[in-house]
Each structure stands twice: as C-alpha cells, then as structure tokens.
C-alpha cells in the first residue's frame, strides 16, 4: 500500500510538471492564425520585421520552454487584429538559424511547439 501511495504521489507531481510545461503540446503551422503564419514567413526570410523588438533575446524567465543557454531563444511579435500595441501573441524561436518554433497566444503563460 505504501509503495502504491508513493507511485501515485510521484505520478501526480509529474503530471503537474507536464501541465506547467506546455512546450510539449504541438500545433501545426496550418492551424496557426494567419498573422502567425505571416510572422513565420518573415522569420524564414530574415525580415524586415514590423516591430523594433522583434528578434530580441527571449529570456525564458517563466521556464516554460526547455532550459537552454542565454541567447538561444528569440521572440517575434504576432500582430493581433484590432490592437494598437504588440498584443500578447508571440513566436519564439530556438537556435540560430532557428530550428524550433513555439507559439504563445497568452504572453508566455503557455506555449505550443509548431510542427512544420
């Protein structure tokens, strides 16, 4: 019984960790909003980018993406229709040239890895 309780507790904590790290959730590039697909095309073309902060280092302070050295991640704005500011949507890339791509619609609270 004690062993079963330990297994259940471990499974609960592991499940909670996975729930916090949404970087394992995937989204197809075709499922992204039109504006996100346009941002992906700009990233692939190397710009020019419409926002001066596009391409800055993403610090991963929230630790929702896999741990990597500083400078590994870069962030790009995904415009939100009807907003005059940058809004909450971003694409975060990893590596240089970018090898992995993540989408967040809620300003870094959750991420989905983009399948290309």
Protein backbone atom coordinates (compact mmCIF):
# COMPACT_ATOMS: atom_id res chain seq x y z
CA UNK A 1 0.00 0.00 0.00
CA UNK A 2 2.80 2.40 0.91
CA UNK A 3 4.53 1.76 -2.41
CA UNK A 4 1.28 2.40 -4.30
CA UNK A 5 0.83 5.73 -2.47
CA UNK A 6 4.39 6.76 -3.40
CA UNK A 7 3.74 5.88 -7.05
CA UNK A 8 0.51 7.88 -7.07
CA UNK A 9 2.17 10.92 -5.49
CA UNK A 10 5.07 10.76 -7.97
CA UNK A 11 2.66 10.44 -10.90
CA UNK A 12 0.67 13.43 -9.61
CA UNK A 13 3.77 15.64 -9.38
CA UNK A 14 4.97 14.51 -12.81
CA UNK A 15 1.56 15.32 -14.28
CA UNK A 16 1.60 18.76 -12.68
CA UNK A 17 5.06 19.44 -14.12
CA UNK A 18 3.88 18.45 -17.59
CA UNK A 19 0.82 20.67 -17.24
CA UNK A 20 3.07 23.65 -16.44
CA UNK A 21 5.41 22.88 -19.35
CA UNK A 22 3.15 23.21 -22.36
CA UNK A 23 6.18 23.18 -24.67
CA UNK A 24 5.36 19.52 -25.33
CA UNK A 25 1.98 20.47 -26.81
CA UNK A 26 2.09 20.78 -30.59
CA UNK A 27 0.29 22.88 -33.16
CA UNK A 28 0.51 22.57 -36.92
CA UNK A 29 1.71 25.66 -38.77
CA UNK A 30 -1.54 25.42 -40.75
CA UNK A 31 -3.56 25.71 -37.52
CA UNK A 32 -1.88 28.99 -36.56
CA UNK A 33 -3.68 32.28 -37.06
CA UNK A 34 -2.99 33.94 -40.41
CA UNK A 35 -0.86 36.61 -38.69
CA UNK A 36 1.34 33.94 -37.07
CA UNK A 37 1.91 32.25 -40.44
CA UNK A 38 2.94 35.63 -41.86
CA UNK A 39 5.36 36.13 -38.94
CA UNK A 40 6.84 32.68 -39.62
CA UNK A 41 7.40 33.65 -43.25
CA UNK A 42 9.18 36.85 -42.13
CA UNK A 43 11.40 34.85 -39.77
CA UNK A 44 12.32 32.45 -42.57
CA UNK A 45 13.08 35.41 -44.88
CA UNK A 46 15.19 37.14 -42.23
CA UNK A 47 12.89 40.17 -42.05
CA UNK A 48 12.28 43.01 -42.29
CA UNK A 49 10.23 42.93 -39.11
CA UNK A 50 7.49 45.45 -38.32
CA UNK A 51 8.30 45.79 -34.60
CA UNK A 52 11.67 47.05 -33.37
CA UNK A 53 11.74 44.45 -30.57
CA UNK A 54 11.35 41.54 -32.99
CA UNK A 55 14.37 39.27 -32.80
CA UNK A 56 15.40 40.21 -29.27
CA UNK A 57 16.60 37.50 -26.90
CA UNK A 58 13.77 35.73 -25.09
CA UNK A 59 14.97 35.10 -21.54
CA UNK A 60 12.63 32.17 -20.74
CA UNK A 61 12.20 33.60 -17.21
CA UNK A 62 8.96 31.68 -16.81
CA UNK A 63 10.88 28.45 -17.56
CA UNK A 64 8.06 27.14 -19.71
CA UNK A 65 10.42 26.20 -22.54
CA UNK A 66 13.28 23.70 -22.25
CA UNK A 67 16.31 25.14 -20.46
CA UNK A 68 18.93 26.44 -22.90
CA UNK A 69 21.85 28.89 -22.69
CA UNK A 70 21.06 32.61 -22.73
CA UNK A 71 20.65 33.84 -26.28
CA UNK A 72 19.29 30.54 -27.61
CA UNK A 73 15.69 31.82 -27.83
CA UNK A 74 14.47 34.84 -29.84
CA UNK A 75 10.98 36.33 -29.84
CA UNK A 76 8.84 37.84 -32.59
CA UNK A 77 5.53 39.67 -32.41
CA UNK A 78 2.42 38.15 -33.94
CA UNK A 79 0.08 41.10 -34.63
CA UNK A 80 -3.35 40.97 -33.06
CA UNK A 81 -6.14 42.50 -35.19
CA UNK A 82 -7.74 45.48 -33.50
CA UNK A 83 -4.79 46.13 -31.17
CA UNK A 84 -2.58 49.21 -31.50
CA UNK A 85 0.15 47.71 -29.29
CA UNK A 86 2.13 44.48 -29.69
CA UNK A 87 -0.57 42.40 -28.02
CA UNK A 88 0.06 39.06 -26.32
CA UNK A 89 0.85 36.77 -29.24
CA UNK A 90 4.44 35.77 -30.00
CA UNK A 91 6.54 33.24 -31.85
CA UNK A 92 9.67 32.20 -30.01
CA UNK A 93 12.43 30.50 -31.97
CA UNK A 94 15.27 28.39 -30.72
CA UNK A 95 18.81 28.09 -32.10
CA UNK A 96 20.47 30.05 -34.87
CA UNK A 97 19.38 29.62 -37.57
CA UNK A 98 16.03 28.81 -35.96
CA UNK A 99 15.49 25.07 -35.59
CA UNK A 100 12.50 25.03 -33.22
CA UNK A 101 9.47 27.31 -33.13
CA UNK A 102 6.94 27.93 -30.37
CA UNK A 103 3.68 29.89 -30.39
CA UNK A 104 2.12 31.66 -27.41
CA UNK A 105 -1.22 33.44 -27.59
CA UNK A 106 -1.19 34.48 -23.92
CA UNK A 107 2.11 36.33 -23.45
CA UNK A 108 4.29 33.41 -22.32
CA UNK A 109 1.81 31.69 -19.97
CA UNK A 110 1.64 28.70 -22.32
CA UNK A 111 3.47 27.55 -25.43
CA UNK A 112 2.78 25.13 -28.23
CA UNK A 113 5.60 23.81 -30.36
CA UNK A 114 4.96 24.49 -34.03
CA UNK A 115 5.13 21.45 -36.30
CA UNK A 116 6.34 22.47 -39.72
